[in-house]
Protein backbone atom coordinates (compact mmCIF):
# COMPACT_ATOMS: atom_id res chain seq x y z
CA MET A 1 -21.05 -24.20 51.54
CA SER A 2 -24.45 -25.48 49.85
CA SER A 3 -24.89 -29.28 50.06
CA GLU A 4 -25.60 -29.45 46.31
CA ASN A 5 -22.15 -27.91 45.34
CA VAL A 6 -19.13 -30.05 45.31
CA LEU A 7 -16.80 -27.06 44.71
CA GLU A 8 -17.03 -23.40 45.49
CA VAL A 9 -14.40 -20.82 44.55
CA LYS A 10 -14.67 -17.51 46.21
CA ASN A 11 -12.79 -14.22 45.26
CA LEU A 12 -9.72 -16.14 43.94
CA ARG A 13 -6.68 -14.19 42.91
CA VAL A 14 -3.57 -15.59 41.37
CA HIS A 15 -0.37 -13.92 40.41
CA TYR A 16 2.73 -14.80 38.53
CA THR A 17 6.09 -13.15 39.60
CA THR A 18 7.99 -12.02 36.51
CA ALA A 19 10.87 -9.55 35.82
CA ARG A 20 8.30 -7.02 34.54
CA GLY A 21 6.09 -7.32 37.72
CA ASP A 22 3.26 -9.42 38.86
CA VAL A 23 1.02 -10.87 36.19
CA GLN A 24 -2.52 -10.87 37.61
CA ALA A 25 -3.61 -13.97 35.84
CA VAL A 26 -6.82 -14.70 37.93
CA ARG A 27 -8.61 -11.66 39.38
CA ASP A 28 -11.45 -12.02 41.93
CA VAL A 29 -13.07 -15.00 40.42
CA SER A 30 -16.00 -16.82 42.07
CA PHE A 31 -18.19 -19.63 40.94
CA SER A 32 -19.66 -23.06 42.13
CA LEU A 33 -19.86 -26.47 40.65
CA LYS A 34 -22.81 -28.65 41.38
CA ARG A 35 -22.74 -32.35 41.90
CA GLY A 36 -23.04 -34.14 38.56
CA GLU A 37 -22.59 -31.04 36.56
CA THR A 38 -20.20 -30.08 33.64
CA LEU A 39 -19.26 -26.45 33.80
CA GLY A 40 -17.53 -25.18 30.58
CA LEU A 41 -14.90 -22.52 30.70
CA ALA A 42 -13.99 -20.64 27.40
CA GLY A 43 -11.93 -17.62 26.36
CA GLU A 44 -8.91 -16.48 24.51
CA SER A 45 -5.26 -17.83 25.04
CA GLY A 46 -3.91 -16.05 28.10
CA CYS A 47 -7.18 -15.28 29.73
CA GLY A 48 -6.37 -17.41 32.74
CA LYS A 49 -8.38 -20.72 32.01
CA SER A 50 -5.62 -23.11 32.65
CA THR A 51 -4.32 -20.94 35.64
CA LEU A 52 -7.58 -21.26 37.24
CA GLY A 53 -7.74 -25.08 36.67
CA TYR A 54 -4.20 -25.68 37.99
CA SER A 55 -5.12 -23.43 41.14
CA LEU A 56 -7.93 -25.73 42.14
CA MET A 57 -5.45 -28.56 42.55
CA ARG A 58 -2.49 -26.34 43.81
CA LEU A 59 -0.33 -27.39 40.96
CA LEU A 60 0.84 -24.04 40.03
CA PRO A 61 4.52 -23.26 39.01
CA ALA A 62 7.02 -21.86 41.46
CA ASN A 63 6.57 -18.40 40.32
CA ALA A 64 2.73 -18.34 40.85
CA LYS A 65 1.04 -17.62 44.10
CA ILE A 66 -2.54 -17.54 45.32
CA ILE A 67 -2.90 -14.07 46.59
CA SER A 68 -6.35 -14.43 48.21
CA GLY A 69 -9.63 -16.23 48.15
CA GLU A 70 -10.99 -19.65 48.89
CA ILE A 71 -11.45 -23.08 47.14
CA LEU A 72 -13.81 -25.16 48.99
CA LEU A 73 -13.83 -28.74 47.94
CA GLU A 74 -16.51 -30.59 49.66
CA GLY A 75 -16.29 -27.96 52.41
CA GLU A 76 -12.66 -28.06 52.90
CA ASN A 77 -10.49 -25.03 51.74
CA VAL A 78 -7.71 -26.30 49.47
CA ILE A 79 -5.69 -23.15 50.02
CA ASP A 80 -5.04 -23.87 53.64
CA MET A 81 -3.98 -27.66 53.03
CA ASP A 82 -0.39 -28.66 53.50
CA GLU A 83 1.64 -30.84 51.14
CA VAL A 84 0.72 -34.09 52.93
CA MET A 85 -3.04 -33.26 52.85
CA LEU A 86 -2.83 -32.14 49.12
CA ARG A 87 -1.40 -35.63 48.20
CA LYS A 88 -4.25 -37.32 49.80
CA ILE A 89 -7.01 -35.29 47.79
CA ARG A 90 -5.21 -35.13 44.55
CA TRP A 91 -6.70 -37.81 42.17
CA LYS A 92 -8.87 -39.11 45.02
CA LYS A 93 -11.15 -36.05 45.41
CA ILE A 94 -10.08 -33.91 42.50
CA SER A 95 -8.02 -34.93 39.39
CA MET A 96 -6.98 -33.48 36.00
CA ILE A 97 -6.91 -34.50 32.42
CA PHE A 98 -3.88 -32.59 31.12
CA GLN A 99 -3.85 -30.68 27.96
CA GLY A 100 -0.56 -32.55 26.42
CA ALA A 101 -1.07 -36.28 27.05
CA MET A 102 2.44 -36.92 25.92
CA ASN A 103 3.81 -34.57 28.60
CA ALA A 104 1.57 -35.98 31.19
CA LEU A 105 2.86 -39.59 30.79
CA ASN A 106 6.48 -40.78 31.85
CA PRO A 107 8.12 -42.19 28.74
CA VAL A 108 10.16 -44.87 30.62
CA PHE A 109 7.18 -46.51 32.32
CA THR A 110 4.38 -48.55 30.78
CA VAL A 111 1.09 -46.91 30.73
CA GLY A 112 -0.43 -49.50 32.89
CA ASP A 113 2.25 -49.01 35.60
CA GLN A 114 1.52 -45.34 35.64
CA ILE A 115 -2.02 -45.90 36.39
CA ALA A 116 -1.38 -48.85 38.83
CA GLU A 117 0.73 -46.58 40.89
CA VAL A 118 -2.09 -44.21 41.67
CA LEU A 119 -4.08 -47.14 43.00
CA THR A 120 -1.32 -48.83 44.99
CA LEU A 121 -0.27 -45.47 46.64
CA HIS A 122 -3.70 -44.26 47.47
CA GLU A 123 -5.70 -47.45 47.94
CA GLY A 124 -2.99 -49.86 49.03
CA MET A 125 -3.69 -52.34 46.44
CA THR A 126 -1.22 -54.92 45.32
CA LYS A 127 0.21 -54.68 41.97
CA ARG A 128 -2.04 -57.58 40.69
CA GLU A 129 -5.14 -55.95 42.21
CA ALA A 130 -4.29 -52.69 40.68
CA TYR A 131 -3.83 -54.04 37.18
CA GLU A 132 -7.22 -55.69 37.41
CA VAL A 133 -8.78 -52.20 38.02
CA VAL A 134 -6.63 -50.85 35.23
CA ARG A 135 -7.86 -53.39 32.69
CA GLU A 136 -11.43 -52.45 33.68
CA LEU A 137 -10.59 -48.61 33.09
CA PHE A 138 -9.14 -49.39 29.78
CA ILE A 139 -12.31 -51.03 28.59
CA GLN A 140 -14.42 -48.15 30.07
CA VAL A 141 -12.25 -45.43 28.06
CA GLY A 142 -12.26 -47.68 24.84
CA LEU A 143 -8.81 -49.15 24.89
CA ASP A 144 -7.76 -52.75 24.40
CA PRO A 145 -6.53 -54.17 27.82
CA SER A 146 -3.69 -55.80 25.88
CA ARG A 147 -2.05 -52.26 25.64
CA ILE A 148 -1.51 -52.00 29.18
CA LYS A 149 2.11 -53.10 28.92
CA ASP A 150 2.75 -50.50 26.25
CA TYR A 151 4.97 -47.47 26.54
CA PRO A 152 3.56 -44.00 25.66
CA HIS A 153 5.54 -43.90 22.34
CA GLN A 154 3.77 -46.99 21.13
CA LEU A 155 0.36 -45.35 21.31
CA SER A 156 -1.42 -42.77 19.06
CA GLY A 157 -2.39 -39.28 20.24
CA GLY A 158 -6.04 -40.35 20.87
CA MET A 159 -4.86 -43.53 22.71
CA LYS A 160 -2.58 -41.60 25.02
CA GLN A 161 -5.41 -39.11 25.62
CA ARG A 162 -7.62 -42.11 26.74
CA VAL A 163 -4.88 -43.33 29.10
CA VAL A 164 -4.75 -39.93 30.70
CA ILE A 165 -8.58 -39.86 31.06
CA ALA A 166 -8.29 -43.35 32.72
CA MET A 167 -5.62 -42.13 35.00
CA ALA A 168 -7.90 -39.24 36.13
CA LEU A 169 -10.87 -41.55 36.79
CA ALA A 170 -8.79 -44.35 38.61
CA LEU A 171 -9.89 -43.23 42.11
CA ASN A 172 -13.46 -42.19 41.24
CA PRO A 173 -12.84 -38.45 42.18
CA SER A 174 -15.53 -36.03 42.97
CA VAL A 175 -14.35 -33.41 40.52
CA VAL A 176 -12.53 -33.82 37.21
CA ILE A 177 -10.79 -30.79 35.45
CA ALA A 178 -10.40 -31.44 31.76
CA ASP A 179 -7.86 -28.85 30.35
CA GLU A 180 -8.44 -28.71 26.54
CA PRO A 181 -8.29 -32.58 26.28
CA THR A 182 -8.96 -32.61 22.46
CA THR A 183 -6.57 -29.63 21.49
CA ALA A 184 -3.72 -31.84 19.89
CA LEU A 185 -6.20 -34.36 18.22
CA ASP A 186 -7.65 -34.45 14.63
CA VAL A 187 -11.31 -33.83 14.39
CA THR A 188 -12.41 -37.44 14.11
CA ILE A 189 -10.48 -38.34 17.35
CA GLN A 190 -11.88 -35.20 18.91
CA ALA A 191 -15.39 -36.45 18.33
CA GLN A 192 -14.59 -39.77 19.85
CA ILE A 193 -13.05 -38.24 22.91
CA GLN A 194 -15.94 -35.74 23.40
CA ASP A 195 -18.47 -38.70 23.06
CA LEU A 196 -16.30 -40.70 25.59
CA MET A 197 -16.37 -37.78 28.06
CA LYS A 198 -20.14 -37.38 27.90
CA ARG A 199 -20.73 -41.11 28.44
CA LEU A 200 -18.14 -41.39 31.39
CA GLN A 201 -19.77 -38.30 32.96
CA ARG A 202 -23.14 -39.90 32.91
CA ARG A 203 -21.83 -43.21 33.90
CA TYR A 204 -20.00 -42.01 37.07
CA GLY A 205 -21.96 -38.88 37.70
CA LEU A 206 -18.80 -36.71 37.50
CA SER A 207 -18.70 -33.20 38.39
CA MET A 208 -16.51 -31.65 35.64
CA ILE A 209 -14.93 -28.38 34.67
CA TYR A 210 -14.17 -28.52 30.87
CA ILE A 211 -11.61 -25.98 29.60
CA THR A 212 -11.49 -25.19 25.96
CA HIS A 213 -11.30 -22.72 23.11
CA ASP A 214 -13.93 -24.58 21.20
CA LEU A 215 -17.46 -23.13 21.87
CA ALA A 216 -18.96 -25.97 19.90
CA VAL A 217 -17.41 -28.39 22.13
CA LEU A 218 -18.85 -26.58 25.09
CA ALA A 219 -22.26 -26.61 23.57
CA GLU A 220 -22.10 -30.51 23.22
CA VAL A 221 -20.73 -31.17 26.77
CA SER A 222 -21.64 -28.56 29.22
CA HIS A 223 -24.58 -27.70 31.51
CA ARG A 224 -23.30 -24.25 32.25
CA VAL A 225 -20.84 -22.00 30.66
CA MET A 226 -18.44 -19.52 32.05
CA ILE A 227 -16.83 -16.96 29.63
CA MET A 228 -13.23 -15.67 30.88
CA TYR A 229 -11.51 -12.58 29.86
CA ALA A 230 -8.33 -11.10 31.33
CA GLY A 231 -8.48 -13.09 34.44
CA GLN A 232 -12.23 -12.50 35.15
CA ILE A 233 -15.43 -14.19 34.43
CA MET A 234 -17.35 -12.04 32.11
CA GLU A 235 -20.55 -14.18 31.77
CA ILE A 236 -21.73 -17.37 33.49
CA GLY A 237 -25.04 -19.17 33.16
CA ASP A 238 -27.04 -22.05 31.49
CA VAL A 239 -25.41 -23.13 28.26
CA VAL A 240 -28.59 -22.98 26.17
CA LYS A 241 -29.41 -19.31 27.49
CA ILE A 242 -26.01 -18.12 26.57
CA TYR A 243 -25.75 -19.68 23.40
CA LYS A 244 -29.12 -18.66 22.28
CA ARG A 245 -29.06 -15.17 23.79
CA PRO A 246 -25.37 -14.14 24.76
CA VAL A 247 -25.34 -10.71 26.60
CA HIS A 248 -21.70 -9.60 26.99
CA PRO A 249 -20.25 -8.09 24.06
CA TYR A 250 -17.11 -10.26 24.45
CA THR A 251 -19.48 -13.43 24.41
CA LYS A 252 -21.26 -12.02 21.43
CA GLY A 253 -18.00 -11.57 19.67
CA LEU A 254 -16.78 -15.07 20.32
CA ILE A 255 -20.06 -16.54 18.92
CA ALA A 256 -20.00 -14.10 16.05
CA SER A 257 -16.42 -15.32 15.18
CA VAL A 258 -17.42 -18.87 14.64
CA PRO A 259 -17.45 -19.59 10.97
CA THR A 260 -20.49 -20.95 9.26
CA ILE A 261 -21.28 -21.68 5.59
CA GLN A 262 -23.55 -18.60 5.46
CA LYS A 263 -20.89 -16.29 6.83
CA VAL A 264 -18.53 -17.53 4.40
CA LYS A 265 -20.97 -16.98 1.50
CA GLU A 266 -21.77 -13.48 2.87
CA LYS A 267 -17.96 -12.81 3.39
CA ARG A 268 -18.83 -11.83 6.95
CA LEU A 269 -16.13 -13.75 8.83
CA ILE A 270 -15.03 -11.93 11.81
CA SER A 271 -12.33 -11.91 14.60
CA ILE A 272 -12.51 -9.77 17.44
CA PRO A 273 -9.90 -6.89 16.76
CA GLY A 274 -7.11 -6.15 19.24
CA ALA A 275 -5.57 -8.31 21.79
CA PRO A 276 -6.14 -9.09 25.52
CA PRO A 277 -4.76 -6.41 27.92
CA ASP A 278 -1.38 -6.61 29.75
CA LEU A 279 -2.13 -8.05 33.06
CA VAL A 280 0.90 -6.67 34.70
CA ASN A 281 -0.82 -3.29 34.39
CA PRO A 282 -4.63 -4.09 33.77
CA PRO A 283 -6.72 -1.35 32.36
CA SER A 284 -9.10 0.61 34.69
CA GLY A 285 -12.64 -0.18 34.67
CA CYS A 286 -13.82 -2.92 32.40
CA PRO A 287 -10.87 -5.03 30.93
CA PHE A 288 -12.77 -5.51 27.57
CA ARG A 289 -13.48 -1.77 27.00
CA LEU A 290 -10.50 -1.31 24.73
CA ARG A 291 -11.89 -3.80 22.20
CA CYS A 292 -15.62 -3.29 22.75
CA PRO A 293 -17.80 -1.55 20.16
CA PHE A 294 -20.28 -0.41 23.01
CA ALA A 295 -17.74 0.99 25.44
CA LYS A 296 -18.38 4.42 27.00
CA GLU A 297 -16.68 6.73 29.45
CA ILE A 298 -18.26 4.79 32.52
CA CYS A 299 -16.62 1.70 31.19
CA LYS A 300 -13.16 3.50 31.77
CA GLU A 301 -13.98 4.91 35.07
CA LYS A 302 -15.85 2.03 36.86
CA GLU A 303 -15.39 -1.75 37.03
CA PRO A 304 -18.77 -3.12 35.90
CA PRO A 305 -20.83 -5.19 38.56
CA TYR A 306 -22.49 -8.38 37.77
CA VAL A 307 -25.87 -8.01 36.42
CA ASN A 308 -28.42 -10.87 36.41
CA VAL A 309 -30.12 -11.15 33.03
CA ASP A 310 -32.59 -14.02 33.05
CA GLY A 311 -30.60 -16.02 35.31
CA VAL A 312 -27.28 -15.42 33.61
CA LEU A 313 -24.59 -13.19 35.46
CA VAL A 314 -23.08 -10.67 33.29
CA LYS A 315 -20.19 -8.33 34.04
CA CYS A 316 -21.12 -5.36 31.98
CA HIS A 317 -22.55 -1.88 32.64
CA PHE A 318 -24.96 -2.25 29.74
CA ALA A 319 -26.04 -5.99 30.16
CA ARG A 320 -29.73 -5.24 30.03
CA GLU A 321 -29.58 -2.83 27.12
CA LEU A 322 -27.68 -5.40 25.11
CA ALA A 323 -29.56 -8.45 26.12
CA ASP A 324 -31.56 -8.72 22.87
CA VAL A 325 -28.92 -7.57 20.50
CA SER A 326 -27.85 -10.48 18.16
CA PRO A 327 -24.05 -11.24 17.98
CA GLU A 328 -24.11 -10.14 14.24
CA GLU A 329 -25.88 -6.76 15.04
CA ALA A 330 -23.57 -6.11 18.01
CA TRP A 331 -20.40 -6.36 15.78
CA GLU A 332 -21.99 -4.63 12.51
CA SER A 333 -19.74 -1.62 13.16
CA VAL A 334 -16.72 -3.93 13.23
CA PHE A 335 -17.71 -5.53 10.04
CA GLU A 336 -17.78 -2.19 8.31
CA LYS A 337 -14.12 -1.35 9.48
CA TYR A 338 -12.54 -4.48 8.15
CA GLU A 339 -12.55 -6.43 5.19
CA TYR A 340 -13.01 -10.07 5.24
CA GLU A 341 -12.38 -12.55 2.53
CA THR A 342 -13.39 -16.16 2.07
CA VAL A 343 -10.85 -18.88 2.37
């Protein structure tokens, strides 16, 4: 494991057992996370983003199983750890900011008690000592320390999200996984939480995996970006390179689908037609070929390799040929097939 990497994931596969068969939610995923880096993870619903995040902490539901691969956290393989060891590393070495703050907080305990419990169990602090740390954490995340004795129902959505962030940072972990932390918030509060996350990342030198649907958010908070589809990483690289010059047709489609004033005026709003494939029986070859305007016979016959395009890894047979095609040009044929109306 490289000394500059705090986390390395190698060939990870995760399946869910269902009545219809095994859902192959994460399929042969590999990536690394550098110290002090924010790695963005984007893709459609059902592409495996949250499953990947929960796998890193071994917090998967009972019907999910890690089939193969390695998750190296500071050199130790999380997959090989027993439950006792997992309790020692969760929140101390790796923590999570959950998507639904209300579901992450216990309604019958005060928010202060819930954060203090982490400190008393892991650090052996007295309750008085733990509360002093909680007060400092509240200040850091922009909450009035007087709200420590409040119950979750007494706080707004944005305040609850700040509590969950404070809980994730309580033990100063090496890695923080932020699973769509602004999804249920209005845009004003979203902006505040994004700004808070950036400030905390700089202050504590956090290594963070930021999961979201919102490409604009990733542009703000990330150093590198991973684009995920059908349980696989389609494109991974520097955030500026990917946003300025997306290579994979799926990445181009995601960027082209972001509405702008210009697109509305030209009535060129787009969504990628079709739906992600059924991962009980994944398609052969490239998983995106059924929706891709550039798909050819080889895309059906052979799974594409990763191609390095100017430092960006792209899982596409035609990566180099498509590198300089703009998102709008790439999806021009799709624009012609569908009628778009301004809203």
